[in-house]
All heavy atoms as atom14 arrays in JSON, in Angstrom:
{
  "sequence": "IGEPLDNYENVIKFLHNVNNENGLNISMRNITLSTCGI",
  "atom14_mask": [
    [1, 1, 1, 1, 1, 1, 1, 1, 0, 0, 0, 0, 0, 0],
    [1, 1, 1, 1, 0, 0, 0, 0, 0, 0, 0, 0, 0, 0],
    [1, 1, 1, 1, 1, 1, 1, 1, 1, 0, 0, 0, 0, 0],
    [1, 1, 1, 1, 1, 1, 1, 0, 0, 0, 0, 0, 0, 0],
    [1, 1, 1, 1, 1, 1, 1, 1, 0, 0, 0, 0, 0, 0],
    [1, 1, 1, 1, 1, 1, 1, 1, 0, 0, 0, 0, 0, 0],
    [1, 1, 1, 1, 1, 1, 1, 1, 0, 0, 0, 0, 0, 0],
    [1, 1, 1, 1, 1, 1, 1, 1, 1, 1, 1, 1, 0, 0],
    [1, 1, 1, 1, 1, 1, 1, 1, 1, 0, 0, 0, 0, 0],
    [1, 1, 1, 1, 1, 1, 1, 1, 0, 0, 0, 0, 0, 0],
    [1, 1, 1, 1, 1, 1, 1, 0, 0, 0, 0, 0, 0, 0],
    [1, 1, 1, 1, 1, 1, 1, 1, 0, 0, 0, 0, 0, 0],
    [1, 1, 1, 1, 1, 1, 1, 1, 1, 0, 0, 0, 0, 0],
    [1, 1, 1, 1, 1, 1, 1, 1, 1, 1, 1, 0, 0, 0],
    [1, 1, 1, 1, 1, 1, 1, 1, 0, 0, 0, 0, 0, 0],
    [1, 1, 1, 1, 1, 1, 1, 1, 1, 1, 0, 0, 0, 0],
    [1, 1, 1, 1, 1, 1, 1, 1, 0, 0, 0, 0, 0, 0],
    [1, 1, 1, 1, 1, 1, 1, 0, 0, 0, 0, 0, 0, 0],
    [1, 1, 1, 1, 1, 1, 1, 1, 0, 0, 0, 0, 0, 0],
    [1, 1, 1, 1, 1, 1, 1, 1, 0, 0, 0, 0, 0, 0],
    [1, 1, 1, 1, 1, 1, 1, 1, 1, 0, 0, 0, 0, 0],
    [1, 1, 1, 1, 1, 1, 1, 1, 0, 0, 0, 0, 0, 0],
    [1, 1, 1, 1, 0, 0, 0, 0, 0, 0, 0, 0, 0, 0],
    [1, 1, 1, 1, 1, 1, 1, 1, 0, 0, 0, 0, 0, 0],
    [1, 1, 1, 1, 1, 1, 1, 1, 0, 0, 0, 0, 0, 0],
    [1, 1, 1, 1, 1, 1, 1, 1, 0, 0, 0, 0, 0, 0],
    [1, 1, 1, 1, 1, 1, 0, 0, 0, 0, 0, 0, 0, 0],
    [1, 1, 1, 1, 1, 1, 1, 1, 0, 0, 0, 0, 0, 0],
    [1, 1, 1, 1, 1, 1, 1, 1, 1, 1, 1, 0, 0, 0],
    [1, 1, 1, 1, 1, 1, 1, 1, 0, 0, 0, 0, 0, 0],
    [1, 1, 1, 1, 1, 1, 1, 1, 0, 0, 0, 0, 0, 0],
    [1, 1, 1, 1, 1, 1, 1, 0, 0, 0, 0, 0, 0, 0],
    [1, 1, 1, 1, 1, 1, 1, 1, 0, 0, 0, 0, 0, 0],
    [1, 1, 1, 1, 1, 1, 0, 0, 0, 0, 0, 0, 0, 0],
    [1, 1, 1, 1, 1, 1, 1, 0, 0, 0, 0, 0, 0, 0],
    [1, 1, 1, 1, 1, 1, 0, 0, 0, 0, 0, 0, 0, 0],
    [1, 1, 1, 1, 0, 0, 0, 0, 0, 0, 0, 0, 0, 0],
    [1, 1, 1, 1, 1, 1, 1, 1, 0, 0, 0, 0, 0, 0]
  ],
  "atom14_positions": [
    [[-37.94, 8.64, 33.99], [-38.74, 7.56, 34.59], [-39.59, 6.87, 33.53], [-40.24, 7.54, 32.73], [-39.65, 8.16, 35.7], [-38.8, 8.69, 36.84], [-40.61, 7.09, 36.21], [-39.62, 9.41, 37.93], [0.0, 0.0, 0.0], [0.0, 0.0, 0.0], [0.0, 0.0, 0.0], [0.0, 0.0, 0.0], [0.0, 0.0, 0.0], [0.0, 0.0, 0.0]],
    [[-39.56, 5.54, 33.54], [-40.42, 4.76, 32.62], [-39.65, 4.16, 31.47], [-38.53, 4.51, 31.17], [0.0, 0.0, 0.0], [0.0, 0.0, 0.0], [0.0, 0.0, 0.0], [0.0, 0.0, 0.0], [0.0, 0.0, 0.0], [0.0, 0.0, 0.0], [0.0, 0.0, 0.0], [0.0, 0.0, 0.0], [0.0, 0.0, 0.0], [0.0, 0.0, 0.0]],
    [[-40.26, 3.23, 30.8], [-39.77, 2.57, 29.6], [-40.52, 3.08, 28.4], [-41.72, 2.78, 28.24], [-39.95, 1.03, 29.76], [-39.84, 0.24, 28.47], [-38.55, 0.45, 27.7], [-37.51, 0.27, 28.28], [-38.67, 0.8, 26.51], [0.0, 0.0, 0.0], [0.0, 0.0, 0.0], [0.0, 0.0, 0.0], [0.0, 0.0, 0.0], [0.0, 0.0, 0.0]],
    [[-39.89, 3.85, 27.55], [-40.62, 4.51, 26.42], [-41.34, 3.52, 25.51], [-42.46, 3.82, 25.07], [-39.48, 5.24, 25.67], [-38.45, 5.47, 26.68], [-38.5, 4.33, 27.59], [0.0, 0.0, 0.0], [0.0, 0.0, 0.0], [0.0, 0.0, 0.0], [0.0, 0.0, 0.0], [0.0, 0.0, 0.0], [0.0, 0.0, 0.0], [0.0, 0.0, 0.0]],
    [[-40.74, 2.36, 25.22], [-41.41, 1.42, 24.29], [-42.51, 0.65, 24.95], [-43.28, -0.06, 24.28], [-40.35, 0.47, 23.67], [-39.27, 1.16, 22.82], [-38.44, 0.07, 22.13], [-39.86, 2.07, 21.78], [0.0, 0.0, 0.0], [0.0, 0.0, 0.0], [0.0, 0.0, 0.0], [0.0, 0.0, 0.0], [0.0, 0.0, 0.0], [0.0, 0.0, 0.0]],
    [[-42.64, 0.8, 26.23], [-43.82, 0.21, 26.96], [-45.01, 1.19, 26.89], [-46.12, 0.86, 27.29], [-43.47, -0.05, 28.4], [-44.51, -0.85, 29.15], [-45.07, -1.83, 28.53], [-44.81, -0.55, 30.3], [0.0, 0.0, 0.0], [0.0, 0.0, 0.0], [0.0, 0.0, 0.0], [0.0, 0.0, 0.0], [0.0, 0.0, 0.0], [0.0, 0.0, 0.0]],
    [[-44.76, 2.39, 26.36], [-45.78, 3.41, 26.18], [-45.73, 3.86, 24.72], [-45.67, 5.06, 24.42], [-45.55, 4.6, 27.14], [-46.71, 5.62, 27.09], [-47.78, 5.35, 26.64], [-46.37, 6.83, 27.62], [0.0, 0.0, 0.0], [0.0, 0.0, 0.0], [0.0, 0.0, 0.0], [0.0, 0.0, 0.0], [0.0, 0.0, 0.0], [0.0, 0.0, 0.0]],
    [[-45.71, 2.88, 23.81], [-45.3, 3.11, 22.42], [-46.13, 4.17, 21.7], [-45.57, 5.1, 21.14], [-45.35, 1.77, 21.68], [-44.79, 1.83, 20.26], [-43.43, 1.72, 20.05], [-45.6, 2.0, 19.19], [-42.87, 1.78, 18.8], [-45.09, 2.07, 17.89], [-43.71, 1.96, 17.68], [-43.17, 2.04, 16.42], [0.0, 0.0, 0.0], [0.0, 0.0, 0.0]],
    [[-47.43, 4.0, 21.67], [-48.26, 4.91, 20.88], [-48.15, 6.35, 21.34], [-48.04, 7.26, 20.49], [-49.75, 4.48, 20.93], [-50.07, 3.22, 20.14], [-49.67, 1.92, 20.9], [-49.33, 2.02, 22.08], [-49.65, 0.83, 20.26], [0.0, 0.0, 0.0], [0.0, 0.0, 0.0], [0.0, 0.0, 0.0], [0.0, 0.0, 0.0], [0.0, 0.0, 0.0]],
    [[-48.15, 6.57, 22.61], [-48.01, 7.96, 23.12], [-46.66, 8.54, 22.83], [-46.5, 9.74, 22.52], [-48.31, 8.0, 24.62], [-49.78, 7.75, 24.99], [-50.64, 8.27, 24.28], [-50.06, 7.05, 26.03], [0.0, 0.0, 0.0], [0.0, 0.0, 0.0], [0.0, 0.0, 0.0], [0.0, 0.0, 0.0], [0.0, 0.0, 0.0], [0.0, 0.0, 0.0]],
    [[-45.65, 7.72, 22.95], [-44.27, 8.2, 22.69], [-44.09, 8.57, 21.19], [-43.53, 9.63, 20.85], [-43.24, 7.16, 23.1], [-41.85, 7.46, 22.48], [-43.11, 7.16, 24.63], [0.0, 0.0, 0.0], [0.0, 0.0, 0.0], [0.0, 0.0, 0.0], [0.0, 0.0, 0.0], [0.0, 0.0, 0.0], [0.0, 0.0, 0.0], [0.0, 0.0, 0.0]],
    [[-44.63, 7.71, 20.28], [-44.52, 8.02, 18.86], [-45.28, 9.34, 18.55], [-44.79, 10.16, 17.76], [-45.09, 6.85, 18.02], [-44.19, 5.63, 18.19], [-45.2, 7.26, 16.54], [-42.79, 5.78, 17.72], [0.0, 0.0, 0.0], [0.0, 0.0, 0.0], [0.0, 0.0, 0.0], [0.0, 0.0, 0.0], [0.0, 0.0, 0.0], [0.0, 0.0, 0.0]],
    [[-46.45, 9.52, 19.13], [-47.2, 10.73, 18.89], [-46.42, 11.97, 19.42], [-46.35, 13.02, 18.8], [-48.55, 10.66, 19.55], [-49.54, 11.74, 19.1], [-50.91, 11.55, 19.74], [-51.6, 10.23, 19.28], [-52.97, 10.15, 19.87], [0.0, 0.0, 0.0], [0.0, 0.0, 0.0], [0.0, 0.0, 0.0], [0.0, 0.0, 0.0], [0.0, 0.0, 0.0]],
    [[-45.8, 11.75, 20.58], [-44.96, 12.85, 21.18], [-43.84, 13.24, 20.22], [-43.59, 14.45, 19.96], [-44.43, 12.37, 22.5], [-43.17, 13.15, 22.98], [-43.28, 14.43, 23.5], [-41.94, 12.55, 22.9], [-42.13, 15.11, 23.91], [-40.78, 13.19, 23.31], [-40.9, 14.52, 23.81], [0.0, 0.0, 0.0], [0.0, 0.0, 0.0], [0.0, 0.0, 0.0]],
    [[-43.19, 12.22, 19.62], [-42.07, 12.48, 18.73], [-42.49, 13.31, 17.54], [-41.81, 14.24, 17.14], [-41.4, 11.18, 18.26], [-40.73, 10.33, 19.34], [-40.23, 8.99, 18.78], [-39.56, 11.08, 19.96], [0.0, 0.0, 0.0], [0.0, 0.0, 0.0], [0.0, 0.0, 0.0], [0.0, 0.0, 0.0], [0.0, 0.0, 0.0], [0.0, 0.0, 0.0]],
    [[-43.63, 12.97, 16.93], [-44.1, 13.73, 15.81], [-44.55, 15.12, 16.15], [-44.3, 16.06, 15.42], [-45.31, 12.93, 15.15], [-44.87, 11.74, 14.37], [-44.11, 11.83, 13.22], [-45.06, 10.41, 14.57], [-43.9, 10.65, 12.74], [-44.46, 9.75, 13.57], [0.0, 0.0, 0.0], [0.0, 0.0, 0.0], [0.0, 0.0, 0.0], [0.0, 0.0, 0.0]],
    [[-45.13, 15.28, 17.36], [-45.55, 16.62, 17.77], [-44.4, 17.55, 18.04], [-44.43, 18.71, 17.63], [-46.46, 16.55, 19.0], [-47.91, 16.18, 18.63], [-48.35, 16.32, 17.48], [-48.68, 15.68, 19.63], [0.0, 0.0, 0.0], [0.0, 0.0, 0.0], [0.0, 0.0, 0.0], [0.0, 0.0, 0.0], [0.0, 0.0, 0.0], [0.0, 0.0, 0.0]],
    [[-43.35, 17.1, 18.73], [-42.24, 17.94, 18.98], [-41.38, 18.24, 17.76], [-40.69, 19.23, 17.69], [-41.29, 17.43, 20.12], [-42.03, 17.36, 21.43], [-40.71, 16.07, 19.79], [0.0, 0.0, 0.0], [0.0, 0.0, 0.0], [0.0, 0.0, 0.0], [0.0, 0.0, 0.0], [0.0, 0.0, 0.0], [0.0, 0.0, 0.0], [0.0, 0.0, 0.0]],
    [[-41.51, 17.37, 16.76], [-40.8, 17.54, 15.53], [-41.56, 18.48, 14.56], [-40.92, 19.03, 13.63], [-40.6, 16.21, 14.86], [-39.9, 16.29, 13.49], [-40.46, 15.92, 12.47], [-38.64, 16.75, 13.43], [0.0, 0.0, 0.0], [0.0, 0.0, 0.0], [0.0, 0.0, 0.0], [0.0, 0.0, 0.0], [0.0, 0.0, 0.0], [0.0, 0.0, 0.0]],
    [[-42.84, 18.63, 14.73], [-43.67, 19.46, 13.82], [-43.14, 20.87, 13.71], [-42.87, 21.53, 14.77], [-45.1, 19.42, 14.31], [-46.09, 19.96, 13.28], [-46.03, 21.11, 12.9], [-46.94, 19.07, 12.81], [0.0, 0.0, 0.0], [0.0, 0.0, 0.0], [0.0, 0.0, 0.0], [0.0, 0.0, 0.0], [0.0, 0.0, 0.0], [0.0, 0.0, 0.0]],
    [[-43.04, 21.41, 12.51], [-42.52, 22.74, 12.35], [-43.4, 23.84, 12.91], [-42.97, 24.96, 13.13], [-42.32, 23.03, 10.84], [-43.56, 22.97, 10.0], [-43.33, 23.21, 8.52], [-42.12, 23.34, 8.13], [-44.29, 23.26, 7.73], [0.0, 0.0, 0.0], [0.0, 0.0, 0.0], [0.0, 0.0, 0.0], [0.0, 0.0, 0.0], [0.0, 0.0, 0.0]],
    [[-44.67, 23.48, 13.18], [-45.57, 24.43, 13.8], [-45.61, 24.26, 15.32], [-46.44, 24.89, 16.0], [-46.98, 24.3, 13.25], [-47.08, 24.66, 11.78], [-46.54, 25.68, 11.4], [-47.65, 23.82, 10.96], [0.0, 0.0, 0.0], [0.0, 0.0, 0.0], [0.0, 0.0, 0.0], [0.0, 0.0, 0.0], [0.0, 0.0, 0.0], [0.0, 0.0, 0.0]],
    [[-44.74, 23.39, 15.82], [-44.64, 23.16, 17.25], [-43.22, 23.56, 17.72], [-42.72, 24.62, 17.32], [0.0, 0.0, 0.0], [0.0, 0.0, 0.0], [0.0, 0.0, 0.0], [0.0, 0.0, 0.0], [0.0, 0.0, 0.0], [0.0, 0.0, 0.0], [0.0, 0.0, 0.0], [0.0, 0.0, 0.0], [0.0, 0.0, 0.0], [0.0, 0.0, 0.0]],
    [[-42.58, 22.74, 18.51], [-41.26, 23.01, 19.01], [-40.18, 22.88, 17.9], [-39.05, 23.4, 18.03], [-40.93, 22.11, 20.17], [-41.67, 22.45, 21.46], [-41.52, 21.34, 22.5], [-41.25, 23.76, 22.06], [0.0, 0.0, 0.0], [0.0, 0.0, 0.0], [0.0, 0.0, 0.0], [0.0, 0.0, 0.0], [0.0, 0.0, 0.0], [0.0, 0.0, 0.0]],
    [[-40.54, 22.13, 16.85], [-39.68, 22.03, 15.68], [-38.26, 21.52, 16.02], [-37.22, 22.0, 15.58], [-39.53, 23.39, 14.93], [-38.97, 23.24, 13.55], [-39.06, 22.18, 12.94], [-38.33, 24.3, 13.07], [0.0, 0.0, 0.0], [0.0, 0.0, 0.0], [0.0, 0.0, 0.0], [0.0, 0.0, 0.0], [0.0, 0.0, 0.0], [0.0, 0.0, 0.0]],
    [[-38.23, 20.46, 16.87], [-36.98, 19.84, 17.25], [-36.64, 18.7, 16.26], [-37.5, 17.83, 16.02], [-37.05, 19.31, 18.72], [-37.18, 20.48, 19.7], [-35.83, 18.48, 19.06], [-37.39, 20.09, 21.1], [0.0, 0.0, 0.0], [0.0, 0.0, 0.0], [0.0, 0.0, 0.0], [0.0, 0.0, 0.0], [0.0, 0.0, 0.0], [0.0, 0.0, 0.0]],
    [[-35.48, 18.72, 15.73], [-35.09, 17.7, 14.78], [-35.1, 16.34, 15.35], [-34.67, 16.11, 16.49], [-33.67, 18.02, 14.25], [-33.16, 16.92, 13.46], [0.0, 0.0, 0.0], [0.0, 0.0, 0.0], [0.0, 0.0, 0.0], [0.0, 0.0, 0.0], [0.0, 0.0, 0.0], [0.0, 0.0, 0.0], [0.0, 0.0, 0.0], [0.0, 0.0, 0.0]],
    [[-35.61, 15.37, 14.58], [-35.58, 13.95, 15.04], [-34.11, 13.5, 15.34], [-33.94, 12.65, 16.17], [-36.21, 13.05, 13.97], [-37.7, 13.17, 13.83], [-38.59, 12.24, 15.12], [-40.28, 12.39, 14.53], [0.0, 0.0, 0.0], [0.0, 0.0, 0.0], [0.0, 0.0, 0.0], [0.0, 0.0, 0.0], [0.0, 0.0, 0.0], [0.0, 0.0, 0.0]],
    [[-33.19, 14.08, 14.61], [-31.81, 13.69, 14.78], [-31.26, 14.13, 16.13], [-30.19, 13.72, 16.57], [-30.95, 14.18, 13.64], [-31.33, 13.57, 12.32], [-30.43, 14.05, 11.19], [-30.87, 13.49, 9.92], [-30.59, 12.3, 9.46], [-29.8, 11.51, 10.16], [-31.03, 11.86, 8.27], [0.0, 0.0, 0.0], [0.0, 0.0, 0.0], [0.0, 0.0, 0.0]],
    [[-31.99, 15.05, 16.82], [-31.58, 15.51, 18.12], [-32.35, 14.8, 19.23], [-32.35, 15.26, 20.39], [-31.85, 17.03, 18.23], [-30.93, 17.84, 17.36], [-29.96, 17.33, 16.78], [-31.23, 19.13, 17.24], [0.0, 0.0, 0.0], [0.0, 0.0, 0.0], [0.0, 0.0, 0.0], [0.0, 0.0, 0.0], [0.0, 0.0, 0.0], [0.0, 0.0, 0.0]],
    [[-32.98, 13.69, 18.91], [-33.78, 12.97, 19.89], [-33.23, 11.54, 20.08], [-32.95, 10.84, 19.14], [-35.3, 12.86, 19.44], [-35.88, 14.26, 19.3], [-36.09, 12.05, 20.48], [-37.28, 14.29, 18.77], [0.0, 0.0, 0.0], [0.0, 0.0, 0.0], [0.0, 0.0, 0.0], [0.0, 0.0, 0.0], [0.0, 0.0, 0.0], [0.0, 0.0, 0.0]],
    [[-33.01, 11.19, 21.31], [-32.56, 9.84, 21.69], [-33.63, 9.1, 22.5], [-34.19, 9.66, 23.44], [-31.27, 9.92, 22.53], [-30.24, 10.53, 21.71], [-30.79, 8.55, 22.95], [0.0, 0.0, 0.0], [0.0, 0.0, 0.0], [0.0, 0.0, 0.0], [0.0, 0.0, 0.0], [0.0, 0.0, 0.0], [0.0, 0.0, 0.0], [0.0, 0.0, 0.0]],
    [[-33.9, 7.87, 22.06], [-34.88, 7.02, 22.8], [-34.12, 5.85, 23.38], [-33.46, 5.09, 22.69], [-36.02, 6.59, 21.86], [-37.13, 5.79, 22.51], [-38.42, 6.0, 21.69], [-36.84, 4.31, 22.57], [0.0, 0.0, 0.0], [0.0, 0.0, 0.0], [0.0, 0.0, 0.0], [0.0, 0.0, 0.0], [0.0, 0.0, 0.0], [0.0, 0.0, 0.0]],
    [[-34.26, 5.65, 24.71], [-33.59, 4.57, 25.38], [-34.58, 3.48, 25.83], [-35.63, 3.8, 26.41], [-32.89, 5.13, 26.64], [-32.27, 4.07, 27.37], [0.0, 0.0, 0.0], [0.0, 0.0, 0.0], [0.0, 0.0, 0.0], [0.0, 0.0, 0.0], [0.0, 0.0, 0.0], [0.0, 0.0, 0.0], [0.0, 0.0, 0.0], [0.0, 0.0, 0.0]],
    [[-34.3, 2.24, 25.54], [-35.12, 1.13, 25.9], [-34.31, 0.05, 26.56], [-33.13, -0.15, 26.2], [-35.85, 0.52, 24.69], [-36.62, -0.62, 25.12], [-34.91, 0.12, 23.59], [0.0, 0.0, 0.0], [0.0, 0.0, 0.0], [0.0, 0.0, 0.0], [0.0, 0.0, 0.0], [0.0, 0.0, 0.0], [0.0, 0.0, 0.0], [0.0, 0.0, 0.0]],
    [[-34.94, -0.71, 27.44], [-34.27, -1.83, 28.11], [-34.28, -3.09, 27.22], [-33.72, -4.13, 27.56], [-34.89, -2.16, 29.46], [-36.58, -2.73, 29.37], [0.0, 0.0, 0.0], [0.0, 0.0, 0.0], [0.0, 0.0, 0.0], [0.0, 0.0, 0.0], [0.0, 0.0, 0.0], [0.0, 0.0, 0.0], [0.0, 0.0, 0.0], [0.0, 0.0, 0.0]],
    [[-35.01, -3.02, 26.08], [-34.98, -4.09, 25.12], [-36.29, -4.85, 24.92], [-36.31, -6.09, 25.01], [0.0, 0.0, 0.0], [0.0, 0.0, 0.0], [0.0, 0.0, 0.0], [0.0, 0.0, 0.0], [0.0, 0.0, 0.0], [0.0, 0.0, 0.0], [0.0, 0.0, 0.0], [0.0, 0.0, 0.0], [0.0, 0.0, 0.0], [0.0, 0.0, 0.0]],
    [[-37.36, -4.12, 24.65], [-38.65, -4.74, 24.37], [-38.6, -5.01, 22.82], [-38.9, -4.2, 22.0], [-39.81, -3.8, 24.69], [-39.77, -3.5, 26.22], [-41.16, -4.45, 24.3], [-40.9, -2.6, 26.7], [0.0, 0.0, 0.0], [0.0, 0.0, 0.0], [0.0, 0.0, 0.0], [0.0, 0.0, 0.0], [0.0, 0.0, 0.0], [0.0, 0.0, 0.0]]
  ]
}
């Protein structure tokens, strides 16, 4: 639910937090962001 790029700052912060090695440590290459075209 929602348009990720319409919530840009929070989404970018989320991406960095889940990628952090002291957090969930999920590779950025394993993350897909879908937008309707903003």
